[in-house]
Amino acid sequence: MSRPRTQAPPKALEPGEKLLTPDEVAEQLRCHASGIRVACRDGRIKATRAFGRKWLIPQSELTRLIDEGWNRTTDEQVAYALGGA
């Protein structure tokens, strides 16, 4: 029995756009990869699954997260994660 899909796949990728793993995104945002995976699953980060297993995040999504201030202080990150930012 497969799990229902929780989100639509990301927009069409630009030619040559790099796909990143949650670990790579977490390193750039200075947070935990598990939080990135949860945000992907919840639909707060636009990502897709490779072969139904690993999350892949477009480089443009990382840019969006940085522009929107994802890498804030820890208290602000918790509020953002809970939808209160």
C-alpha atoms as a PDB file:
ATOM      1  CA  MET A   1       0.000   0.000   0.000  1.00  0.00           C
ATOM      2  CA  SER A   2       1.575   3.289  -1.046  1.00  0.00           C
ATOM      3  CA  ARG A   3       1.325   6.544   0.869  1.00  0.00           C
ATOM      4  CA  PRO A   4      -0.810   9.278  -0.662  1.00  0.00           C
ATOM      5  CA  ARG A   5       1.104  12.081  -2.320  1.00  0.00           C
ATOM      6  CA  THR A   6       1.105  15.156  -0.093  1.00  0.00           C
ATOM      7  CA  GLN A   7       2.049  17.772  -2.670  1.00  0.00           C
ATOM      8  CA  ALA A   8       2.332  18.505  -6.337  1.00  0.00           C
ATOM      9  CA  PRO A   9       5.737  18.136  -7.956  1.00  0.00           C
ATOM     10  CA  PRO A  10       7.782  21.318  -8.263  1.00  0.00           C
ATOM     11  CA  LYS A  11       7.449  23.559 -11.289  1.00  0.00           C
ATOM     12  CA  ALA A  12       9.360  22.549 -14.389  1.00  0.00           C
ATOM     13  CA  LEU A  13      13.069  22.847 -13.826  1.00  0.00           C
ATOM     14  CA  GLU A  14      15.114  25.361 -15.723  1.00  0.00           C
ATOM     15  CA  PRO A  15      17.656  23.734 -18.033  1.00  0.00           C
ATOM     16  CA  GLY A  16      20.745  22.950 -16.005  1.00  0.00           C
ATOM     17  CA  GLU A  17      19.105  23.714 -12.631  1.00  0.00           C
ATOM     18  CA  LYS A  18      20.792  21.787  -9.884  1.00  0.00           C
ATOM     19  CA  LEU A  19      18.837  19.474  -7.564  1.00  0.00           C
ATOM     20  CA  LEU A  20      19.924  19.388  -3.942  1.00  0.00           C
ATOM     21  CA  THR A  21      19.487  16.856  -1.163  1.00  0.00           C
ATOM     22  CA  PRO A  22      18.038  17.850   2.231  1.00  0.00           C
ATOM     23  CA  ASP A  23      21.548  17.537   3.688  1.00  0.00           C
ATOM     24  CA  GLU A  24      22.925  20.060   1.182  1.00  0.00           C
ATOM     25  CA  VAL A  25      20.051  22.488   1.795  1.00  0.00           C
ATOM     26  CA  ALA A  26      20.397  22.136   5.579  1.00  0.00           C
ATOM     27  CA  GLU A  27      24.099  22.914   5.358  1.00  0.00           C
ATOM     28  CA  GLN A  28      23.369  26.119   3.440  1.00  0.00           C
ATOM     29  CA  LEU A  29      20.566  27.151   5.817  1.00  0.00           C
ATOM     30  CA  ARG A  30      22.464  26.087   8.950  1.00  0.00           C
ATOM     31  CA  CYS A  31      19.724  23.837  10.258  1.00  0.00           C
ATOM     32  CA  HIS A  32      19.019  20.108  10.588  1.00  0.00           C
ATOM     33  CA  ALA A  33      18.327  17.975   7.527  1.00  0.00           C
ATOM     34  CA  SER A  34      15.443  16.315   9.382  1.00  0.00           C
ATOM     35  CA  GLY A  35      13.694  19.699   9.568  1.00  0.00           C
ATOM     36  CA  ILE A  36      14.170  20.144   5.833  1.00  0.00           C
ATOM     37  CA  ARG A  37      12.666  16.686   5.194  1.00  0.00           C
ATOM     38  CA  VAL A  38       9.651  17.507   7.384  1.00  0.00           C
ATOM     39  CA  ALA A  39       9.154  20.808   5.523  1.00  0.00           C
ATOM     40  CA  CYS A  40       9.322  18.913   2.202  1.00  0.00           C
ATOM     41  CA  ARG A  41       6.758  16.400   3.400  1.00  0.00           C
ATOM     42  CA  ASP A  42       4.461  19.163   4.701  1.00  0.00           C
ATOM     43  CA  GLY A  43       4.722  21.088   1.444  1.00  0.00           C
ATOM     44  CA  ARG A  44       6.472  24.157   2.891  1.00  0.00           C
ATOM     45  CA  ILE A  45       9.484  23.379   0.694  1.00  0.00           C
ATOM     46  CA  LYS A  46       8.775  22.522  -2.930  1.00  0.00           C
ATOM     47  CA  ALA A  47      10.523  19.239  -3.552  1.00  0.00           C
ATOM     48  CA  THR A  48      10.031  15.946  -5.266  1.00  0.00           C
ATOM     49  CA  ARG A  49      10.993  12.406  -4.429  1.00  0.00           C
ATOM     50  CA  ALA A  50      13.493  10.488  -6.499  1.00  0.00           C
ATOM     51  CA  PHE A  51      12.289   6.946  -7.055  1.00  0.00           C
ATOM     52  CA  GLY A  52       9.763   7.458  -4.251  1.00  0.00           C
ATOM     53  CA  ARG A  53      12.455   7.656  -1.613  1.00  0.00           C
ATOM     54  CA  LYS A  54      14.897  10.583  -1.476  1.00  0.00           C
ATOM     55  CA  TRP A  55      13.855  14.216  -1.522  1.00  0.00           C
ATOM     56  CA  LEU A  56      15.317  16.448  -4.231  1.00  0.00           C
ATOM     57  CA  ILE A  57      15.039  20.215  -3.911  1.00  0.00           C
ATOM     58  CA  PRO A  58      15.629  22.603  -6.831  1.00  0.00           C
ATOM     59  CA  GLN A  59      18.342  25.238  -6.377  1.00  0.00           C
ATOM     60  CA  SER A  60      15.689  27.912  -7.025  1.00  0.00           C
ATOM     61  CA  GLU A  61      13.791  26.710  -3.945  1.00  0.00           C
ATOM     62  CA  LEU A  62      16.911  27.136  -1.802  1.00  0.00           C
ATOM     63  CA  THR A  63      17.216  30.672  -3.159  1.00  0.00           C
ATOM     64  CA  ARG A  64      13.562  31.335  -2.253  1.00  0.00           C
ATOM     65  CA  LEU A  65      14.109  30.047   1.283  1.00  0.00           C
ATOM     66  CA  ILE A  66      17.131  32.281   1.758  1.00  0.00           C
ATOM     67  CA  ASP A  67      15.256  35.302   0.352  1.00  0.00           C
ATOM     68  CA  GLU A  68      12.346  34.659   2.722  1.00  0.00           C
ATOM     69  CA  GLY A  69      14.671  34.484   5.714  1.00  0.00           C
ATOM     70  CA  TRP A  70      14.662  30.785   6.531  1.00  0.00           C
ATOM     71  CA  ASN A  71      18.003  31.021   8.348  1.00  0.00           C
ATOM     72  CA  ARG A  72      16.812  33.045  11.335  1.00  0.00           C
ATOM     73  CA  THR A  73      17.492  32.554  15.009  1.00  0.00           C
ATOM     74  CA  THR A  74      16.336  29.266  16.504  1.00  0.00           C
ATOM     75  CA  ASP A  75      13.195  30.720  18.141  1.00  0.00           C
ATOM     76  CA  GLU A  76      12.155  32.354  14.885  1.00  0.00           C
ATOM     77  CA  GLN A  77      12.740  29.076  13.012  1.00  0.00           C
ATOM     78  CA  VAL A  78      10.438  27.255  15.432  1.00  0.00           C
ATOM     79  CA  ALA A  79       7.743  29.901  14.947  1.00  0.00           C
ATOM     80  CA  TYR A  80       8.198  29.700  11.161  1.00  0.00           C
ATOM     81  CA  ALA A  81       7.969  25.900  11.250  1.00  0.00           C
ATOM     82  CA  LEU A  82       4.732  26.139  13.223  1.00  0.00           C
ATOM     83  CA  GLY A  83       3.283  28.607  10.726  1.00  0.00           C
ATOM     84  CA  GLY A  84       3.543  31.656  12.936  1.00  0.00           C
ATOM     85  CA  ALA A  85       6.104  33.694  10.995  1.00  0.00           C
END
